Amino acid sequence: MGSATTQALAASTAALAQAKDVTLDTAGELFTVARLVGESGQLSGALADAAAPAGLREQVVATVFAGVSNTTRQVLAAAVGERWSNEDGLISGIEELAIRAAAIAEPAEDIEGELFSFLRVIAANPELELALGTRLGDDTAKGTLVEKLIGGMASAPTTLIVSSLVRQPRGRRVRQLLNRAMKIVSAQGDRIVATVHTATALSAAQRTRLGDALAARYDGQVSINEVIDPTVVGGLRVQIADDIIDGSISARLADLRQKLAG
């Protein structure tokens, strides 16, 4: 991500945080805008043109997206008023704003946990991953398929996020889309994501103790995503970003074998 895009995204995120009346409809409108901008080279070029006056870019938003809500239009105006590194940065930025808006609209929902659960379903079903990830399929049909699969089980914001992302993959794999969405939702809630691999499910007390320990170590609220992994022999394997804490017996045995061999 270019430095200009990083700064533009930070400013746009701040504008979204200050916006009033952010609803799930706001998120849906932002997803639609991201898709339309991504499908039109002329529109994306006009909105990401750093040489054009910011006021002119904002006027394009007011004209082209006159039908969206005032909240959405204000957030978009703030976004296009910034200087983005390139067109893709702007499109990705609007998409991130949509994901954040969904999290803001329904803060009580466990969006991140539901995204993680669907990610595990994808990982366990190669045919489903292929159906959603193929470049030959119709993107609208993929979105409809997601809505049928999780519409009755996942919350409205999670369903909106997943169905919208598979409708506008822009060459990205489904797992990549879901992982990015999880990170954005966690960031919006000021949480750190910990993926915990364990041979058996953690009890509520164990999850609480682990969460408290990780929160103290990483100085922040921790969201735990649990993966049942029979290959983990005793203990846990915890991954937070690129940091791996492996307290499993299998890891200690492997370390011992390496020391004996070396």
C-alpha atoms as a PDB file:
ATOM      1  CA  MET A   1       0.000   0.000   0.000  1.00  0.00           C
ATOM      2  CA  GLY A   2       1.489   3.338  -1.044  1.00  0.00           C
ATOM      3  CA  SER A   3       2.070   6.070   1.506  1.00  0.00           C
ATOM      4  CA  ALA A   4      -0.499   8.322  -0.168  1.00  0.00           C
ATOM      5  CA  THR A   5      -3.131   5.587   0.026  1.00  0.00           C
ATOM      6  CA  THR A   6      -2.246   4.869   3.667  1.00  0.00           C
ATOM      7  CA  GLN A   7      -2.807   8.520   4.578  1.00  0.00           C
ATOM      8  CA  ALA A   8      -5.951   8.772   2.450  1.00  0.00           C
ATOM      9  CA  LEU A   9      -7.410   5.660   4.050  1.00  0.00           C
ATOM     10  CA  ALA A  10      -6.678   6.952   7.544  1.00  0.00           C
ATOM     11  CA  ALA A  11      -8.399  10.267   6.772  1.00  0.00           C
ATOM     12  CA  SER A  12     -11.378   8.511   5.157  1.00  0.00           C
ATOM     13  CA  THR A  13     -11.727   6.139   8.118  1.00  0.00           C
ATOM     14  CA  ALA A  14     -11.745   9.132  10.452  1.00  0.00           C
ATOM     15  CA  ALA A  15     -14.479  10.750   8.343  1.00  0.00           C
ATOM     16  CA  LEU A  16     -16.567   7.574   8.595  1.00  0.00           C
ATOM     17  CA  ALA A  17     -16.076   7.477  12.371  1.00  0.00           C
ATOM     18  CA  GLN A  18     -17.401  11.024  12.639  1.00  0.00           C
ATOM     19  CA  ALA A  19     -20.364  10.434  10.336  1.00  0.00           C
ATOM     20  CA  LYS A  20     -23.850  10.270  11.803  1.00  0.00           C
ATOM     21  CA  ASP A  21     -26.562   7.717  11.031  1.00  0.00           C
ATOM     22  CA  VAL A  22     -24.226   5.007   9.705  1.00  0.00           C
ATOM     23  CA  THR A  23     -26.478   2.029   9.027  1.00  0.00           C
ATOM     24  CA  LEU A  24     -26.293  -1.269   7.189  1.00  0.00           C
ATOM     25  CA  ASP A  25     -27.767   0.572   4.199  1.00  0.00           C
ATOM     26  CA  THR A  26     -24.726   2.861   4.304  1.00  0.00           C
ATOM     27  CA  ALA A  27     -22.479  -0.190   4.088  1.00  0.00           C
ATOM     28  CA  GLY A  28     -24.519  -1.598   1.209  1.00  0.00           C
ATOM     29  CA  GLU A  29     -24.317   1.675  -0.698  1.00  0.00           C
ATOM     30  CA  LEU A  30     -20.553   1.870  -0.198  1.00  0.00           C
ATOM     31  CA  PHE A  31     -20.152  -1.692  -1.490  1.00  0.00           C
ATOM     32  CA  THR A  32     -22.217  -0.754  -4.551  1.00  0.00           C
ATOM     33  CA  VAL A  33     -20.107   2.339  -5.142  1.00  0.00           C
ATOM     34  CA  ALA A  34     -16.898   0.290  -4.883  1.00  0.00           C
ATOM     35  CA  ARG A  35     -18.260  -2.144  -7.462  1.00  0.00           C
ATOM     36  CA  LEU A  36     -19.390   0.576  -9.887  1.00  0.00           C
ATOM     37  CA  VAL A  37     -16.116   2.473  -9.594  1.00  0.00           C
ATOM     38  CA  GLY A  38     -14.200  -0.761 -10.123  1.00  0.00           C
ATOM     39  CA  GLU A  39     -16.197  -1.573 -13.242  1.00  0.00           C
ATOM     40  CA  SER A  40     -15.657   1.848 -14.855  1.00  0.00           C
ATOM     41  CA  GLY A  41     -12.147   2.852 -15.792  1.00  0.00           C
ATOM     42  CA  GLN A  42     -13.387   6.322 -16.687  1.00  0.00           C
ATOM     43  CA  LEU A  43     -15.060   6.833 -13.314  1.00  0.00           C
ATOM     44  CA  SER A  44     -12.213   5.382 -11.249  1.00  0.00           C
ATOM     45  CA  GLY A  45      -9.734   7.476 -13.203  1.00  0.00           C
ATOM     46  CA  ALA A  46     -11.701  10.667 -12.585  1.00  0.00           C
ATOM     47  CA  LEU A  47     -12.105  10.022  -8.869  1.00  0.00           C
ATOM     48  CA  ALA A  48      -8.482   8.981  -8.281  1.00  0.00           C
ATOM     49  CA  ASP A  49      -6.926  11.719 -10.425  1.00  0.00           C
ATOM     50  CA  ALA A  50      -4.645  13.545  -8.004  1.00  0.00           C
ATOM     51  CA  ALA A  51      -4.065  16.275 -10.590  1.00  0.00           C
ATOM     52  CA  ALA A  52      -7.752  17.233 -10.584  1.00  0.00           C
ATOM     53  CA  PRO A  53      -8.961  19.658  -7.897  1.00  0.00           C
ATOM     54  CA  ALA A  54     -10.526  17.919  -4.897  1.00  0.00           C
ATOM     55  CA  GLY A  55     -13.676  19.972  -5.376  1.00  0.00           C
ATOM     56  CA  LEU A  56     -14.065  18.639  -8.895  1.00  0.00           C
ATOM     57  CA  ARG A  57     -13.743  15.038  -7.719  1.00  0.00           C
ATOM     58  CA  GLU A  58     -16.307  15.687  -5.013  1.00  0.00           C
ATOM     59  CA  GLN A  59     -18.648  17.132  -7.625  1.00  0.00           C
ATOM     60  CA  VAL A  60     -18.339  13.923  -9.654  1.00  0.00           C
ATOM     61  CA  VAL A  61     -19.468  11.989  -6.567  1.00  0.00           C
ATOM     62  CA  ALA A  62     -22.415  14.340  -6.040  1.00  0.00           C
ATOM     63  CA  THR A  63     -23.492  13.941  -9.669  1.00  0.00           C
ATOM     64  CA  VAL A  64     -22.926  10.222 -10.255  1.00  0.00           C
ATOM     65  CA  PHE A  65     -24.111   9.038  -6.848  1.00  0.00           C
ATOM     66  CA  ALA A  66     -26.913  11.514  -6.239  1.00  0.00           C
ATOM     67  CA  GLY A  67     -29.239   8.660  -5.259  1.00  0.00           C
ATOM     68  CA  VAL A  68     -27.297   7.483  -2.208  1.00  0.00           C
ATOM     69  CA  SER A  69     -27.933   8.705   1.325  1.00  0.00           C
ATOM     70  CA  ASN A  70     -26.416  11.904   2.646  1.00  0.00           C
ATOM     71  CA  THR A  71     -24.205   9.907   5.003  1.00  0.00           C
ATOM     72  CA  THR A  72     -22.792   7.786   2.196  1.00  0.00           C
ATOM     73  CA  ARG A  73     -22.285  10.807  -0.034  1.00  0.00           C
ATOM     74  CA  GLN A  74     -20.448  12.691   2.718  1.00  0.00           C
ATOM     75  CA  VAL A  75     -18.124   9.755   3.385  1.00  0.00           C
ATOM     76  CA  LEU A  76     -17.446   9.362  -0.338  1.00  0.00           C
ATOM     77  CA  ALA A  77     -16.768  13.072  -0.719  1.00  0.00           C
ATOM     78  CA  ALA A  78     -14.215  12.856   2.085  1.00  0.00           C
ATOM     79  CA  ALA A  79     -12.599   9.808   0.460  1.00  0.00           C
ATOM     80  CA  VAL A  80     -12.250  11.236  -3.051  1.00  0.00           C
ATOM     81  CA  GLY A  81     -11.054  14.516  -1.589  1.00  0.00           C
ATOM     82  CA  GLU A  82      -7.914  12.669  -0.456  1.00  0.00           C
ATOM     83  CA  ARG A  83      -4.926  11.795  -2.624  1.00  0.00           C
ATOM     84  CA  TRP A  84      -4.725   8.057  -3.379  1.00  0.00           C
ATOM     85  CA  SER A  85      -1.675   6.300  -4.827  1.00  0.00           C
ATOM     86  CA  ASN A  86      -3.712   4.778  -7.656  1.00  0.00           C
ATOM     87  CA  GLU A  87      -7.217   3.772  -8.723  1.00  0.00           C
ATOM     88  CA  ASP A  88      -7.028   0.351  -7.083  1.00  0.00           C
ATOM     89  CA  GLY A  89      -6.125   2.000  -3.793  1.00  0.00           C
ATOM     90  CA  LEU A  90      -9.259   4.132  -3.976  1.00  0.00           C
ATOM     91  CA  ILE A  91     -11.502   1.160  -4.820  1.00  0.00           C
ATOM     92  CA  SER A  92     -10.018  -0.946  -2.013  1.00  0.00           C
ATOM     93  CA  GLY A  93     -10.395   2.018   0.297  1.00  0.00           C
ATOM     94  CA  ILE A  94     -14.102   2.423  -0.427  1.00  0.00           C
ATOM     95  CA  GLU A  95     -14.552  -1.316   0.062  1.00  0.00           C
ATOM     96  CA  GLU A  96     -12.824  -1.097   3.453  1.00  0.00           C
ATOM     97  CA  LEU A  97     -15.101   1.784   4.416  1.00  0.00           C
ATOM     98  CA  ALA A  98     -18.075  -0.432   3.531  1.00  0.00           C
ATOM     99  CA  ILE A  99     -16.820  -3.239   5.783  1.00  0.00           C
ATOM    100  CA  ARG A 100     -16.171  -0.789   8.606  1.00  0.00           C
ATOM    101  CA  ALA A 101     -19.632   0.736   8.138  1.00  0.00           C
ATOM    102  CA  ALA A 102     -21.209  -2.715   8.530  1.00  0.00           C
ATOM    103  CA  ALA A 103     -19.308  -3.203  11.791  1.00  0.00           C
ATOM    104  CA  ILE A 104     -20.304   0.263  13.023  1.00  0.00           C
ATOM    105  CA  ALA A 105     -23.954  -0.324  12.137  1.00  0.00           C
ATOM    106  CA  GLU A 106     -24.220  -3.586  14.108  1.00  0.00           C
ATOM    107  CA  PRO A 107     -21.584  -3.457  16.879  1.00  0.00           C
ATOM    108  CA  ALA A 108     -23.242  -6.178  18.955  1.00  0.00           C
ATOM    109  CA  GLU A 109     -22.917  -8.820  16.220  1.00  0.00           C
ATOM    110  CA  ASP A 110     -19.962 -11.216  16.199  1.00  0.00           C
ATOM    111  CA  ILE A 111     -19.119 -10.408  12.581  1.00  0.00           C
ATOM    112  CA  GLU A 112     -15.512 -11.459  12.868  1.00  0.00           C
ATOM    113  CA  GLY A 113     -16.400 -14.812  14.402  1.00  0.00           C
ATOM    114  CA  GLU A 114     -18.992 -15.466  11.700  1.00  0.00           C
ATOM    115  CA  LEU A 115     -16.511 -14.550   8.969  1.00  0.00           C
ATOM    116  CA  PHE A 116     -14.021 -16.953  10.524  1.00  0.00           C
ATOM    117  CA  SER A 117     -16.636 -19.724  10.659  1.00  0.00           C
ATOM    118  CA  PHE A 118     -17.440 -19.237   6.982  1.00  0.00           C
ATOM    119  CA  LEU A 119     -13.725 -19.243   6.194  1.00  0.00           C
ATOM    120  CA  ARG A 120     -13.455 -22.649   7.857  1.00  0.00           C
ATOM    121  CA  VAL A 121     -16.432 -23.894   5.831  1.00  0.00           C
ATOM    122  CA  ILE A 122     -14.687 -22.719   2.645  1.00  0.00           C
ATOM    123  CA  ALA A 123     -11.454 -24.427   3.666  1.00  0.00           C
ATOM    124  CA  ALA A 124     -13.294 -27.718   4.260  1.00  0.00           C
ATOM    125  CA  ASN A 125     -15.280 -27.595   1.000  1.00  0.00           C
ATOM    126  CA  PRO A 126     -13.076 -27.345  -2.115  1.00  0.00           C
ATOM    127  CA  GLU A 127     -16.112 -27.448  -4.417  1.00  0.00           C
ATOM    128  CA  LEU A 128     -17.690 -24.464  -2.678  1.00  0.00           C
ATOM    129  CA  GLU A 129     -14.411 -22.555  -2.782  1.00  0.00           C
ATOM    130  CA  LEU A 130     -14.155 -23.299  -6.492  1.00  0.00           C
ATOM    131  CA  ALA A 131     -17.747 -22.226  -7.120  1.00  0.00           C
ATOM    132  CA  LEU A 132     -17.220 -18.913  -5.358  1.00  0.00           C
ATOM    133  CA  GLY A 133     -13.696 -18.316  -6.619  1.00  0.00           C
ATOM    134  CA  THR A 134     -13.857 -19.254 -10.282  1.00  0.00           C
ATOM    135  CA  ARG A 135     -13.305 -16.385 -12.695  1.00  0.00           C
ATOM    136  CA  LEU A 136     -15.698 -18.003 -15.147  1.00  0.00           C
ATOM    137  CA  GLY A 137     -18.766 -17.810 -12.914  1.00  0.00           C
ATOM    138  CA  ASP A 138     -21.270 -14.993 -12.707  1.00  0.00           C
ATOM    139  CA  ASP A 139     -20.388 -12.734  -9.776  1.00  0.00           C
ATOM    140  CA  THR A 140     -24.018 -11.845  -9.063  1.00  0.00           C
ATOM    141  CA  ALA A 141     -24.896 -15.541  -8.857  1.00  0.00           C
ATOM    142  CA  LYS A 142     -22.030 -16.040  -6.393  1.00  0.00           C
ATOM    143  CA  GLY A 143     -23.463 -13.351  -4.147  1.00  0.00           C
ATOM    144  CA  THR A 144     -26.891 -14.961  -4.315  1.00  0.00           C
ATOM    145  CA  LEU A 145     -25.367 -18.341  -3.451  1.00  0.00           C
ATOM    146  CA  VAL A 146     -23.726 -16.867  -0.343  1.00  0.00           C
ATOM    147  CA  GLU A 147     -27.005 -15.289   0.744  1.00  0.00           C
ATOM    148  CA  LYS A 148     -28.743 -18.681   0.431  1.00  0.00           C
ATOM    149  CA  LEU A 149     -25.961 -20.487   2.292  1.00  0.00           C
ATOM    150  CA  ILE A 150     -25.561 -18.225   5.312  1.00  0.00           C
ATOM    151  CA  GLY A 151     -28.527 -15.865   5.199  1.00  0.00           C
ATOM    152  CA  GLY A 152     -30.406 -17.779   7.873  1.00  0.00           C
ATOM    153  CA  MET A 153     -27.385 -18.551  10.057  1.00  0.00           C
ATOM    154  CA  ALA A 154     -25.150 -15.479   9.970  1.00  0.00           C
ATOM    155  CA  SER A 155     -26.044 -11.925  10.937  1.00  0.00           C
ATOM    156  CA  ALA A 156     -27.146  -9.363   8.357  1.00  0.00           C
ATOM    157  CA  PRO A 157     -23.803  -7.481   8.319  1.00  0.00           C
ATOM    158  CA  THR A 158     -21.806 -10.689   7.837  1.00  0.00           C
ATOM    159  CA  THR A 159     -24.080 -11.803   5.004  1.00  0.00           C
ATOM    160  CA  LEU A 160     -23.781  -8.376   3.373  1.00  0.00           C
ATOM    161  CA  ILE A 161     -19.980  -8.354   3.644  1.00  0.00           C
ATOM    162  CA  VAL A 162     -19.446 -11.848   2.232  1.00  0.00           C
ATOM    163  CA  SER A 163     -22.025 -11.610  -0.557  1.00  0.00           C
ATOM    164  CA  SER A 164     -20.711  -8.184  -1.592  1.00  0.00           C
ATOM    165  CA  LEU A 165     -17.074  -9.308  -1.635  1.00  0.00           C
ATOM    166  CA  VAL A 166     -17.699 -12.365  -3.807  1.00  0.00           C
ATOM    167  CA  ARG A 167     -19.627 -10.131  -6.210  1.00  0.00           C
ATOM    168  CA  GLN A 168     -16.544  -7.955  -6.707  1.00  0.00           C
ATOM    169  CA  PRO A 169     -13.486 -10.207  -6.237  1.00  0.00           C
ATOM    170  CA  ARG A 170     -11.175  -8.194  -8.514  1.00  0.00           C
ATOM    171  CA  GLY A 171      -8.950 -11.231  -9.029  1.00  0.00           C
ATOM    172  CA  ARG A 172      -8.671 -12.104  -5.333  1.00  0.00           C
ATOM    173  CA  ARG A 173      -9.243 -15.549  -3.841  1.00  0.00           C
ATOM    174  CA  VAL A 174     -12.203 -16.091  -1.511  1.00  0.00           C
ATOM    175  CA  ARG A 175      -9.988 -16.876   1.480  1.00  0.00           C
ATOM    176  CA  GLN A 176      -8.026 -13.689   0.840  1.00  0.00           C
ATOM    177  CA  LEU A 177     -11.246 -11.674   0.777  1.00  0.00           C
ATOM    178  CA  LEU A 178     -12.479 -13.173   4.047  1.00  0.00           C
ATOM    179  CA  ASN A 179      -9.162 -12.815   5.856  1.00  0.00           C
ATOM    180  CA  ARG A 180      -8.937  -9.153   4.872  1.00  0.00           C
ATOM    181  CA  ALA A 181     -12.514  -8.527   5.998  1.00  0.00           C
ATOM    182  CA  MET A 182     -11.804 -10.153   9.375  1.00  0.00           C
ATOM    183  CA  LYS A 183      -8.775  -7.927   9.928  1.00  0.00           C
ATOM    184  CA  ILE A 184     -10.768  -4.809   9.029  1.00  0.00           C
ATOM    185  CA  VAL A 185     -13.624  -5.717  11.380  1.00  0.00           C
ATOM    186  CA  SER A 186     -11.131  -6.408  14.175  1.00  0.00           C
ATOM    187  CA  ALA A 187      -9.358  -3.106  13.544  1.00  0.00           C
ATOM    188  CA  GLN A 188     -12.688  -1.272  13.624  1.00  0.00           C
ATOM    189  CA  GLY A 189     -13.378  -2.768  17.040  1.00  0.00           C
ATOM    190  CA  ASP A 190      -9.807  -2.114  18.245  1.00  0.00           C
ATOM    191  CA  ARG A 191      -9.276  -5.839  18.727  1.00  0.00           C
ATOM    192  CA  ILE A 192      -6.307  -8.127  18.101  1.00  0.00           C
ATOM    193  CA  VAL A 193      -7.081 -11.411  16.325  1.00  0.00           C
ATOM    194  CA  ALA A 194      -5.690 -14.633  17.777  1.00  0.00           C
ATOM    195  CA  THR A 195      -6.169 -17.897  15.887  1.00  0.00           C
ATOM    196  CA  VAL A 196      -5.902 -20.740  18.371  1.00  0.00           C
ATOM    197  CA  HIS A 197      -5.259 -24.318  17.221  1.00  0.00           C
ATOM    198  CA  THR A 198      -6.215 -26.933  19.819  1.00  0.00           C
ATOM    199  CA  ALA A 199      -6.902 -30.671  19.743  1.00  0.00           C
ATOM    200  CA  THR A 200     -10.129 -30.261  21.722  1.00  0.00           C
ATOM    201  CA  ALA A 201     -12.520 -27.370  22.145  1.00  0.00           C
ATOM    202  CA  LEU A 202     -11.643 -24.854  24.840  1.00  0.00           C
ATOM    203  CA  SER A 203     -14.002 -24.432  27.744  1.00  0.00           C
ATOM    204  CA  ALA A 204     -15.446 -21.026  28.510  1.00  0.00           C
ATOM    205  CA  ALA A 205     -13.059 -20.673  31.458  1.00  0.00           C
ATOM    206  CA  GLN A 206     -10.063 -21.618  29.299  1.00  0.00           C
ATOM    207  CA  ARG A 207     -11.038 -19.094  26.631  1.00  0.00           C
ATOM    208  CA  THR A 208     -11.354 -16.390  29.267  1.00  0.00           C
ATOM    209  CA  ARG A 209      -7.956 -17.189  30.838  1.00  0.00           C
ATOM    210  CA  LEU A 210      -6.281 -17.355  27.425  1.00  0.00           C
ATOM    211  CA  GLY A 211      -7.906 -14.115  26.314  1.00  0.00           C
ATOM    212  CA  ASP A 212      -6.781 -12.342  29.495  1.00  0.00           C
ATOM    213  CA  ALA A 213      -3.227 -13.644  29.136  1.00  0.00           C
ATOM    214  CA  LEU A 214      -2.962 -12.594  25.495  1.00  0.00           C
ATOM    215  CA  ALA A 215      -4.539  -9.214  26.212  1.00  0.00           C
ATOM    216  CA  ALA A 216      -1.891  -8.578  28.864  1.00  0.00           C
ATOM    217  CA  ARG A 217       0.897  -9.700  26.559  1.00  0.00           C
ATOM    218  CA  TYR A 218      -0.234  -7.705  23.527  1.00  0.00           C
ATOM    219  CA  ASP A 219      -1.724  -4.767  25.418  1.00  0.00           C
ATOM    220  CA  GLY A 220      -5.135  -4.823  23.784  1.00  0.00           C
ATOM    221  CA  GLN A 221      -8.479  -6.581  23.544  1.00  0.00           C
ATOM    222  CA  VAL A 222      -8.064  -9.997  21.924  1.00  0.00           C
ATOM    223  CA  SER A 223     -10.607 -11.827  19.792  1.00  0.00           C
ATOM    224  CA  ILE A 224     -10.066 -15.602  19.751  1.00  0.00           C
ATOM    225  CA  ASN A 225     -10.810 -17.701  16.680  1.00  0.00           C
ATOM    226  CA  GLU A 226     -10.641 -21.375  17.608  1.00  0.00           C
ATOM    227  CA  VAL A 227      -9.564 -24.155  15.222  1.00  0.00           C
ATOM    228  CA  ILE A 228      -9.949 -27.783  16.263  1.00  0.00           C
ATOM    229  CA  ASP A 229      -6.752 -29.420  15.005  1.00  0.00           C
ATOM    230  CA  PRO A 230      -6.121 -33.100  15.876  1.00  0.00           C
ATOM    231  CA  THR A 231      -2.437 -32.696  14.941  1.00  0.00           C
ATOM    232  CA  VAL A 232      -1.916 -30.467  17.976  1.00  0.00           C
ATOM    233  CA  VAL A 233      -0.820 -32.937  20.673  1.00  0.00           C
ATOM    234  CA  GLY A 234      -1.504 -31.263  24.018  1.00  0.00           C
ATOM    235  CA  GLY A 235      -1.280 -27.553  24.662  1.00  0.00           C
ATOM    236  CA  LEU A 236      -2.110 -24.853  22.140  1.00  0.00           C
ATOM    237  CA  ARG A 237      -0.718 -23.159  19.080  1.00  0.00           C
ATOM    238  CA  VAL A 238      -1.624 -19.477  18.920  1.00  0.00           C
ATOM    239  CA  GLN A 239      -1.034 -17.186  15.959  1.00  0.00           C
ATOM    240  CA  ILE A 240      -1.380 -13.403  16.121  1.00  0.00           C
ATOM    241  CA  ALA A 241      -0.352 -11.804  12.823  1.00  0.00           C
ATOM    242  CA  ASP A 242       3.149 -13.226  12.155  1.00  0.00           C
ATOM    243  CA  ASP A 243       3.740 -14.117  15.811  1.00  0.00           C
ATOM    244  CA  ILE A 244       3.315 -17.814  16.666  1.00  0.00           C
ATOM    245  CA  ILE A 245       3.193 -19.125  20.228  1.00  0.00           C
ATOM    246  CA  ASP A 246       3.456 -22.907  20.121  1.00  0.00           C
ATOM    247  CA  GLY A 247       3.025 -24.611  23.481  1.00  0.00           C
ATOM    248  CA  SER A 248       1.949 -27.986  22.101  1.00  0.00           C
ATOM    249  CA  ILE A 249       3.685 -31.228  23.059  1.00  0.00           C
ATOM    250  CA  SER A 250       4.316 -31.963  19.379  1.00  0.00           C
ATOM    251  CA  ALA A 251       6.184 -28.667  18.983  1.00  0.00           C
ATOM    252  CA  ARG A 252       8.309 -29.343  22.066  1.00  0.00           C
ATOM    253  CA  LEU A 253       9.110 -32.863  20.814  1.00  0.00           C
ATOM    254  CA  ALA A 254      10.081 -31.490  17.405  1.00  0.00           C
ATOM    255  CA  ASP A 255      12.322 -28.934  19.094  1.00  0.00           C
ATOM    256  CA  LEU A 256      13.916 -31.666  21.205  1.00  0.00           C
ATOM    257  CA  ARG A 257      14.535 -33.848  18.146  1.00  0.00           C
ATOM    258  CA  GLN A 258      16.177 -30.911  16.390  1.00  0.00           C
ATOM    259  CA  LYS A 259      18.462 -30.273  19.347  1.00  0.00           C
ATOM    260  CA  LEU A 260      19.413 -33.970  19.589  1.00  0.00           C
ATOM    261  CA  ALA A 261      20.162 -34.073  15.870  1.00  0.00           C
ATOM    262  CA  GLY A 262      22.193 -30.932  15.927  1.00  0.00           C
END
